[in-house]
Full PDB file with SEQRES, HELIX, SHEET, SSBOND, CRYST1, ORIGX, SCALE, CONECT and MASTER records, all heavy atoms in Angstrom:
SEQRES   1 A   33  GLY THR VAL ALA GLU ASP ARG ILE PRO ALA LEU GLU ALA          
SEQRES   2 A   33  VAL ASP GLY VAL GLU SER VAL ASP ARG GLU ARG THR ILE          
SEQRES   3 A   33  GLN LEU PRO PRO SER ASP SER                                  
HELIX    1 AA1 GLU A    5  ARG A    7  5                                   3    
HELIX    2 AA2 ILE A    8  GLU A   12  1                                   5    
CRYST1    1.000    1.000    1.000  90.00  90.00  90.00 P 1           1          
ORIGX1      1.000000  0.000000  0.000000        0.00000                         
ORIGX2      0.000000  1.000000  0.000000        0.00000                         
ORIGX3      0.000000  0.000000  1.000000        0.00000                         
SCALE1      1.000000  0.000000  0.000000        0.00000                         
SCALE2      0.000000  1.000000  0.000000        0.00000                         
SCALE3      0.000000  0.000000  1.000000        0.00000                         
ATOM      1  N   GLY A   1      58.540 254.578 113.831  1.00  0.00           N  
ATOM      2  CA  GLY A   1      60.044 254.749 114.026  1.00  0.00           C  
ATOM      3  C   GLY A   1      60.733 253.457 114.445  1.00  0.00           C  
ATOM      4  O   GLY A   1      60.129 252.404 114.390  1.00  0.00           O  
ATOM      5  N   THR A   2      61.916 253.441 114.675  1.00  0.00           N  
ATOM      6  CA  THR A   2      62.773 252.389 115.298  1.00  0.00           C  
ATOM      7  C   THR A   2      63.308 252.687 116.455  1.00  0.00           C  
ATOM      8  O   THR A   2      63.593 253.838 116.942  1.00  0.00           O  
ATOM      9  CB  THR A   2      63.788 252.031 114.188  1.00  0.00           C  
ATOM     10  OG1 THR A   2      64.659 253.052 114.070  1.00  0.00           O  
ATOM     11  CG2 THR A   2      63.362 251.682 112.861  1.00  0.00           C  
ATOM     12  N   VAL A   3      63.462 251.588 117.362  1.00  0.00           N  
ATOM     13  CA  VAL A   3      64.082 251.696 118.660  1.00  0.00           C  
ATOM     14  C   VAL A   3      64.572 250.321 118.995  1.00  0.00           C  
ATOM     15  O   VAL A   3      64.165 249.302 118.496  1.00  0.00           O  
ATOM     16  CB  VAL A   3      62.926 252.091 119.633  1.00  0.00           C  
ATOM     17  CG1 VAL A   3      61.887 250.962 119.837  1.00  0.00           C  
ATOM     18  CG2 VAL A   3      63.514 252.614 121.014  1.00  0.00           C  
ATOM     19  N   ALA A   4      65.542 250.431 119.901  1.00  0.00           N  
ATOM     20  CA  ALA A   4      66.103 249.159 120.411  1.00  0.00           C  
ATOM     21  C   ALA A   4      65.049 248.560 121.150  1.00  0.00           C  
ATOM     22  O   ALA A   4      64.210 249.137 122.006  1.00  0.00           O  
ATOM     23  CB  ALA A   4      67.310 249.375 121.242  1.00  0.00           C  
ATOM     24  N   GLU A   5      64.973 247.175 120.951  1.00  0.00           N  
ATOM     25  CA  GLU A   5      63.753 246.503 121.564  1.00  0.00           C  
ATOM     26  C   GLU A   5      63.665 246.639 123.232  1.00  0.00           C  
ATOM     27  O   GLU A   5      62.612 246.750 123.745  1.00  0.00           O  
ATOM     28  CB  GLU A   5      63.796 244.892 121.215  1.00  0.00           C  
ATOM     29  CG  GLU A   5      62.642 244.182 121.654  1.00  0.00           C  
ATOM     30  CD  GLU A   5      62.546 242.813 121.073  1.00  0.00           C  
ATOM     31  OE1 GLU A   5      63.599 242.358 120.474  1.00  0.00           O  
ATOM     32  OE2 GLU A   5      61.659 242.167 121.284  1.00  0.00           O  
ATOM     33  N   ASP A   6      64.865 246.703 123.743  1.00  0.00           N  
ATOM     34  CA  ASP A   6      64.830 246.930 125.213  1.00  0.00           C  
ATOM     35  C   ASP A   6      64.461 248.274 125.718  1.00  0.00           C  
ATOM     36  O   ASP A   6      64.280 248.645 126.817  1.00  0.00           O  
ATOM     37  CB  ASP A   6      66.175 246.445 125.880  1.00  0.00           C  
ATOM     38  CG  ASP A   6      67.279 247.251 125.430  1.00  0.00           C  
ATOM     39  OD1 ASP A   6      67.176 248.115 124.538  1.00  0.00           O  
ATOM     40  OD2 ASP A   6      68.379 246.950 125.945  1.00  0.00           O  
ATOM     41  N   ARG A   7      64.161 249.188 124.836  1.00  0.00           N  
ATOM     42  CA  ARG A   7      63.893 250.680 125.089  1.00  0.00           C  
ATOM     43  C   ARG A   7      62.263 250.718 125.062  1.00  0.00           C  
ATOM     44  O   ARG A   7      61.864 251.861 125.307  1.00  0.00           O  
ATOM     45  CB  ARG A   7      64.584 251.575 124.127  1.00  0.00           C  
ATOM     46  CG  ARG A   7      66.089 251.622 124.351  1.00  0.00           C  
ATOM     47  CD  ARG A   7      66.522 251.986 125.695  1.00  0.00           C  
ATOM     48  NE  ARG A   7      66.086 253.301 125.985  1.00  0.00           N  
ATOM     49  CZ  ARG A   7      66.017 253.890 127.342  1.00  0.00           C  
ATOM     50  NH1 ARG A   7      66.336 253.056 128.213  1.00  0.00           N  
ATOM     51  NH2 ARG A   7      65.494 255.086 127.407  1.00  0.00           N  
ATOM     52  N   ILE A   8      61.546 249.729 124.567  1.00  0.00           N  
ATOM     53  CA  ILE A   8      60.194 249.881 124.349  1.00  0.00           C  
ATOM     54  C   ILE A   8      59.506 250.214 125.648  1.00  0.00           C  
ATOM     55  O   ILE A   8      58.591 251.139 125.752  1.00  0.00           O  
ATOM     56  CB  ILE A   8      59.475 248.628 123.714  1.00  0.00           C  
ATOM     57  CG1 ILE A   8      59.884 248.544 122.226  1.00  0.00           C  
ATOM     58  CG2 ILE A   8      57.975 248.651 123.790  1.00  0.00           C  
ATOM     59  CD1 ILE A   8      59.564 247.308 121.539  1.00  0.00           C  
ATOM     60  N   PRO A   9      59.829 249.662 126.826  1.00  0.00           N  
ATOM     61  CA  PRO A   9      59.146 250.184 128.128  1.00  0.00           C  
ATOM     62  C   PRO A   9      59.484 251.602 128.352  1.00  0.00           C  
ATOM     63  O   PRO A   9      58.481 252.280 128.868  1.00  0.00           O  
ATOM     64  CB  PRO A   9      59.806 249.330 129.201  1.00  0.00           C  
ATOM     65  CG  PRO A   9      60.307 247.942 128.488  1.00  0.00           C  
ATOM     66  CD  PRO A   9      60.700 248.568 127.023  1.00  0.00           C  
ATOM     67  N   ALA A  10      60.501 252.165 127.883  1.00  0.00           N  
ATOM     68  CA  ALA A  10      60.779 253.627 128.223  1.00  0.00           C  
ATOM     69  C   ALA A  10      59.884 254.362 127.261  1.00  0.00           C  
ATOM     70  O   ALA A  10      59.347 255.405 127.664  1.00  0.00           O  
ATOM     71  CB  ALA A  10      62.307 253.927 127.893  1.00  0.00           C  
ATOM     72  N   LEU A  11      59.662 253.860 126.101  1.00  0.00           N  
ATOM     73  CA  LEU A  11      58.595 254.591 125.228  1.00  0.00           C  
ATOM     74  C   LEU A  11      57.137 254.506 125.871  1.00  0.00           C  
ATOM     75  O   LEU A  11      56.492 255.641 125.812  1.00  0.00           O  
ATOM     76  CB  LEU A  11      58.534 254.062 123.849  1.00  0.00           C  
ATOM     77  CG  LEU A  11      59.919 254.002 123.066  1.00  0.00           C  
ATOM     78  CD1 LEU A  11      59.644 253.375 121.701  1.00  0.00           C  
ATOM     79  CD2 LEU A  11      60.547 255.306 123.051  1.00  0.00           C  
ATOM     80  N   GLU A  12      56.846 253.459 126.337  1.00  0.00           N  
ATOM     81  CA  GLU A  12      55.358 253.183 127.003  1.00  0.00           C  
ATOM     82  C   GLU A  12      55.381 254.239 128.152  1.00  0.00           C  
ATOM     83  O   GLU A  12      54.175 254.545 128.440  1.00  0.00           O  
ATOM     84  CB  GLU A  12      55.135 251.797 127.317  1.00  0.00           C  
ATOM     85  CG  GLU A  12      55.130 250.905 126.144  1.00  0.00           C  
ATOM     86  CD  GLU A  12      55.205 249.474 126.450  1.00  0.00           C  
ATOM     87  OE1 GLU A  12      55.731 249.025 127.492  1.00  0.00           O  
ATOM     88  OE2 GLU A  12      54.529 248.637 125.678  1.00  0.00           O  
ATOM     89  N   ALA A  13      56.409 254.538 128.844  1.00  0.00           N  
ATOM     90  CA  ALA A  13      56.189 255.392 130.083  1.00  0.00           C  
ATOM     91  C   ALA A  13      56.186 256.890 129.771  1.00  0.00           C  
ATOM     92  O   ALA A  13      55.978 257.653 130.801  1.00  0.00           O  
ATOM     93  CB  ALA A  13      57.499 255.147 130.879  1.00  0.00           C  
ATOM     94  N   VAL A  14      56.322 257.245 128.472  1.00  0.00           N  
ATOM     95  CA  VAL A  14      56.275 258.845 128.169  1.00  0.00           C  
ATOM     96  C   VAL A  14      54.848 259.200 128.343  1.00  0.00           C  
ATOM     97  O   VAL A  14      53.919 258.567 127.791  1.00  0.00           O  
ATOM     98  CB  VAL A  14      56.817 259.051 126.728  1.00  0.00           C  
ATOM     99  CG1 VAL A  14      56.692 260.387 126.284  1.00  0.00           C  
ATOM    100  CG2 VAL A  14      58.349 258.680 126.647  1.00  0.00           C  
ATOM    101  N   ASP A  15      54.770 260.383 129.025  1.00  0.00           N  
ATOM    102  CA  ASP A  15      53.355 260.953 129.137  1.00  0.00           C  
ATOM    103  C   ASP A  15      52.736 261.359 127.710  1.00  0.00           C  
ATOM    104  O   ASP A  15      53.426 261.892 126.875  1.00  0.00           O  
ATOM    105  CB  ASP A  15      53.430 262.293 129.894  1.00  0.00           C  
ATOM    106  CG  ASP A  15      53.615 262.071 131.388  1.00  0.00           C  
ATOM    107  OD1 ASP A  15      53.114 260.880 131.910  1.00  0.00           O  
ATOM    108  OD2 ASP A  15      54.023 262.973 132.134  1.00  0.00           O  
ATOM    109  N   GLY A  16      51.479 260.927 127.544  1.00  0.00           N  
ATOM    110  CA  GLY A  16      51.019 261.202 126.207  1.00  0.00           C  
ATOM    111  C   GLY A  16      50.809 260.018 125.305  1.00  0.00           C  
ATOM    112  O   GLY A  16      50.189 259.984 124.218  1.00  0.00           O  
ATOM    113  N   VAL A  17      51.700 258.929 125.618  1.00  0.00           N  
ATOM    114  CA  VAL A  17      51.749 257.839 124.806  1.00  0.00           C  
ATOM    115  C   VAL A  17      50.567 256.878 125.100  1.00  0.00           C  
ATOM    116  O   VAL A  17      50.470 256.521 126.382  1.00  0.00           O  
ATOM    117  CB  VAL A  17      53.210 256.989 124.841  1.00  0.00           C  
ATOM    118  CG1 VAL A  17      53.069 255.800 124.093  1.00  0.00           C  
ATOM    119  CG2 VAL A  17      54.279 257.899 124.247  1.00  0.00           C  
ATOM    120  N   GLU A  18      49.743 256.599 124.187  1.00  0.00           N  
ATOM    121  CA  GLU A  18      48.614 255.652 124.344  1.00  0.00           C  
ATOM    122  C   GLU A  18      48.978 254.201 124.165  1.00  0.00           C  
ATOM    123  O   GLU A  18      48.341 253.250 124.845  1.00  0.00           O  
ATOM    124  CB  GLU A  18      47.373 256.210 123.637  1.00  0.00           C  
ATOM    125  CG  GLU A  18      47.046 257.575 124.195  1.00  0.00           C  
ATOM    126  CD  GLU A  18      45.995 258.281 123.218  1.00  0.00           C  
ATOM    127  OE1 GLU A  18      45.613 257.656 122.161  1.00  0.00           O  
ATOM    128  OE2 GLU A  18      45.507 259.360 123.577  1.00  0.00           O  
ATOM    129  N   SER A  19      49.793 254.067 123.146  1.00  0.00           N  
ATOM    130  CA  SER A  19      50.136 252.618 122.780  1.00  0.00           C  
ATOM    131  C   SER A  19      51.391 252.567 122.115  1.00  0.00           C  
ATOM    132  O   SER A  19      51.735 253.546 121.306  1.00  0.00           O  
ATOM    133  CB  SER A  19      49.057 251.903 122.125  1.00  0.00           C  
ATOM    134  OG  SER A  19      48.744 252.378 120.851  1.00  0.00           O  
ATOM    135  N   VAL A  20      52.099 251.452 122.181  1.00  0.00           N  
ATOM    136  CA  VAL A  20      53.378 251.141 121.407  1.00  0.00           C  
ATOM    137  C   VAL A  20      53.090 249.783 120.802  1.00  0.00           C  
ATOM    138  O   VAL A  20      52.893 248.818 121.581  1.00  0.00           O  
ATOM    139  CB  VAL A  20      54.578 251.251 122.239  1.00  0.00           C  
ATOM    140  CG1 VAL A  20      55.761 250.869 121.325  1.00  0.00           C  
ATOM    141  CG2 VAL A  20      54.778 252.626 122.883  1.00  0.00           C  
ATOM    142  N   ASP A  21      53.105 249.678 119.502  1.00  0.00           N  
ATOM    143  CA  ASP A  21      52.953 248.398 118.914  1.00  0.00           C  
ATOM    144  C   ASP A  21      54.198 248.195 117.910  1.00  0.00           C  
ATOM    145  O   ASP A  21      54.630 249.116 117.279  1.00  0.00           O  
ATOM    146  CB  ASP A  21      51.743 248.260 118.004  1.00  0.00           C  
ATOM    147  CG  ASP A  21      50.542 248.440 118.940  1.00  0.00           C  
ATOM    148  OD1 ASP A  21      50.448 247.471 119.873  1.00  0.00           O  
ATOM    149  OD2 ASP A  21      49.650 249.352 118.756  1.00  0.00           O  
ATOM    150  N   ARG A  22      54.653 246.763 117.722  1.00  0.00           N  
ATOM    151  CA  ARG A  22      55.574 246.586 116.821  1.00  0.00           C  
ATOM    152  C   ARG A  22      54.961 246.558 115.451  1.00  0.00           C  
ATOM    153  O   ARG A  22      53.871 246.130 115.219  1.00  0.00           O  
ATOM    154  CB  ARG A  22      56.145 245.176 117.076  1.00  0.00           C  
ATOM    155  CG  ARG A  22      56.951 245.144 118.268  1.00  0.00           C  
ATOM    156  CD  ARG A  22      57.403 243.681 118.410  1.00  0.00           C  
ATOM    157  NE  ARG A  22      58.394 243.585 119.432  1.00  0.00           N  
ATOM    158  CZ  ARG A  22      59.253 242.648 119.481  1.00  0.00           C  
ATOM    159  NH1 ARG A  22      59.528 241.884 118.436  1.00  0.00           N  
ATOM    160  NH2 ARG A  22      60.181 242.572 120.444  1.00  0.00           N  
ATOM    161  N   GLU A  23      55.712 247.014 114.448  1.00  0.00           N  
ATOM    162  CA  GLU A  23      55.323 246.935 113.064  1.00  0.00           C  
ATOM    163  C   GLU A  23      55.332 245.430 112.733  1.00  0.00           C  
ATOM    164  O   GLU A  23      56.149 244.820 113.024  1.00  0.00           O  
ATOM    165  CB  GLU A  23      56.316 247.760 112.134  1.00  0.00           C  
ATOM    166  CG  GLU A  23      56.065 249.234 112.252  1.00  0.00           C  
ATOM    167  CD  GLU A  23      56.981 249.933 111.148  1.00  0.00           C  
ATOM    168  OE1 GLU A  23      57.967 249.338 110.556  1.00  0.00           O  
ATOM    169  OE2 GLU A  23      56.714 251.154 111.019  1.00  0.00           O  
ATOM    170  N   ARG A  24      54.386 245.204 111.812  1.00  0.00           N  
ATOM    171  CA  ARG A  24      54.232 243.745 111.346  1.00  0.00           C  
ATOM    172  C   ARG A  24      54.296 243.889 109.770  1.00  0.00           C  
ATOM    173  O   ARG A  24      53.652 244.693 109.149  1.00  0.00           O  
ATOM    174  CB  ARG A  24      53.003 243.128 111.839  1.00  0.00           C  
ATOM    175  CG  ARG A  24      53.101 242.892 113.334  1.00  0.00           C  
ATOM    176  CD  ARG A  24      51.891 242.287 113.755  1.00  0.00           C  
ATOM    177  NE  ARG A  24      52.014 241.924 115.303  1.00  0.00           N  
ATOM    178  CZ  ARG A  24      51.907 242.641 116.363  1.00  0.00           C  
ATOM    179  NH1 ARG A  24      51.827 243.992 116.129  1.00  0.00           N  
ATOM    180  NH2 ARG A  24      52.017 242.188 117.510  1.00  0.00           N  
ATOM    181  N   THR A  25      54.801 242.780 109.187  1.00  0.00           N  
ATOM    182  CA  THR A  25      54.880 242.690 107.759  1.00  0.00           C  
ATOM    183  C   THR A  25      54.067 241.569 107.424  1.00  0.00           C  
ATOM    184  O   THR A  25      54.009 240.598 108.100  1.00  0.00           O  
ATOM    185  CB  THR A  25      56.306 242.524 107.192  1.00  0.00           C  
ATOM    186  OG1 THR A  25      57.241 242.271 108.244  1.00  0.00           O  
ATOM    187  CG2 THR A  25      56.779 243.562 106.269  1.00  0.00           C  
ATOM    188  N   ILE A  26      53.263 241.724 106.414  1.00  0.00           N  
ATOM    189  CA  ILE A  26      52.337 240.843 106.004  1.00  0.00           C  
ATOM    190  C   ILE A  26      52.810 240.277 104.584  1.00  0.00           C  
ATOM    191  O   ILE A  26      52.965 241.171 103.571  1.00  0.00           O  
ATOM    192  CB  ILE A  26      50.791 241.321 105.921  1.00  0.00           C  
ATOM    193  CG1 ILE A  26      50.369 241.749 107.458  1.00  0.00           C  
ATOM    194  CG2 ILE A  26      49.910 240.398 105.360  1.00  0.00           C  
ATOM    195  CD1 ILE A  26      49.046 242.425 107.391  1.00  0.00           C  
ATOM    196  N   GLN A  27      52.838 239.008 104.380  1.00  0.00           N  
ATOM    197  CA  GLN A  27      53.165 238.483 102.999  1.00  0.00           C  
ATOM    198  C   GLN A  27      51.857 238.090 102.319  1.00  0.00           C  
ATOM    199  O   GLN A  27      51.205 237.287 102.724  1.00  0.00           O  
ATOM    200  CB  GLN A  27      54.079 237.306 103.257  1.00  0.00           C  
ATOM    201  CG  GLN A  27      55.389 237.632 103.780  1.00  0.00           C  
ATOM    202  CD  GLN A  27      56.364 238.035 102.732  1.00  0.00           C  
ATOM    203  OE1 GLN A  27      55.997 237.787 101.478  1.00  0.00           O  
ATOM    204  NE2 GLN A  27      57.440 238.654 103.048  1.00  0.00           N  
ATOM    205  N   LEU A  28      51.569 238.740 101.215  1.00  0.00           N  
ATOM    206  CA  LEU A  28      50.442 238.550 100.416  1.00  0.00           C  
ATOM    207  C   LEU A  28      50.773 237.491  99.322  1.00  0.00           C  
ATOM    208  O   LEU A  28      51.836 237.638  98.782  1.00  0.00           O  
ATOM    209  CB  LEU A  28      49.770 239.707  99.854  1.00  0.00           C  
ATOM    210  CG  LEU A  28      49.270 240.831 100.820  1.00  0.00           C  
ATOM    211  CD1 LEU A  28      48.971 242.038  99.981  1.00  0.00           C  
ATOM    212  CD2 LEU A  28      48.166 240.234 101.567  1.00  0.00           C  
ATOM    213  N   PRO A  29      49.868 236.637  98.993  1.00  0.00           N  
ATOM    214  CA  PRO A  29      50.267 235.692  97.980  1.00  0.00           C  
ATOM    215  C   PRO A  29      50.245 236.457  96.500  1.00  0.00           C  
ATOM    216  O   PRO A  29      49.529 237.443  96.408  1.00  0.00           O  
ATOM    217  CB  PRO A  29      49.185 234.633  97.985  1.00  0.00           C  
ATOM    218  CG  PRO A  29      48.022 235.306  98.672  1.00  0.00           C  
ATOM    219  CD  PRO A  29      48.554 236.386  99.607  1.00  0.00           C  
ATOM    220  N   PRO A  30      51.075 235.898  95.659  1.00  0.00           N  
ATOM    221  CA  PRO A  30      51.009 236.646  94.279  1.00  0.00           C  
ATOM    222  C   PRO A  30      49.626 236.526  93.705  1.00  0.00           C  
ATOM    223  O   PRO A  30      48.812 235.573  94.002  1.00  0.00           O  
ATOM    224  CB  PRO A  30      52.082 235.771  93.481  1.00  0.00           C  
ATOM    225  CG  PRO A  30      52.431 234.588  94.330  1.00  0.00           C  
ATOM    226  CD  PRO A  30      51.916 234.793  95.744  1.00  0.00           C  
ATOM    227  N   SER A  31      49.268 237.422  92.764  1.00  0.00           N  
ATOM    228  CA  SER A  31      47.910 237.454  92.130  1.00  0.00           C  
ATOM    229  C   SER A  31      47.567 236.273  91.448  1.00  0.00           C  
ATOM    230  O   SER A  31      46.466 235.963  91.295  1.00  0.00           O  
ATOM    231  CB  SER A  31      47.911 238.703  91.239  1.00  0.00           C  
ATOM    232  OG  SER A  31      48.848 238.608  90.141  1.00  0.00           O  
ATOM    233  N   ASP A  32      48.547 235.541  90.873  1.00  0.00           N  
ATOM    234  CA  ASP A  32      48.234 234.233  90.205  1.00  0.00           C  
ATOM    235  C   ASP A  32      48.201 233.000  91.220  1.00  0.00           C  
ATOM    236  O   ASP A  32      48.135 231.891  90.710  1.00  0.00           O  
ATOM    237  CB  ASP A  32      49.209 233.974  89.092  1.00  0.00           C  
ATOM    238  CG  ASP A  32      50.714 233.855  89.545  1.00  0.00           C  
ATOM    239  OD1 ASP A  32      50.935 234.137  90.680  1.00  0.00           O  
ATOM    240  OD2 ASP A  32      51.500 233.511  88.688  1.00  0.00           O  
ATOM    241  N   SER A  33      48.312 233.175  92.465  1.00  0.00           N  
ATOM    242  CA  SER A  33      48.197 232.101  93.353  1.00  0.00           C  
ATOM    243  C   SER A  33      46.861 231.501  93.512  1.00  0.00           C  
ATOM    244  O   SER A  33      45.964 232.252  93.489  1.00  0.00           O  
ATOM    245  CB  SER A  33      48.682 232.640  94.755  1.00  0.00           C  
ATOM    246  OG  SER A  33      48.564 231.737  95.726  1.00  0.00           O  
TER     247      SER A  33                                                      
MASTER        0    0    0    2    0    0    0    6  246    1    0    3          
END                                                                             
């Protein structure tokens, strides 16, 4: 999902939540690279 960055600690505090990680985008080189 999405959340305001400053609300991440509130997500981490919810019972049952084991981890909260930011989504990361990976740039792959083109196939002819």
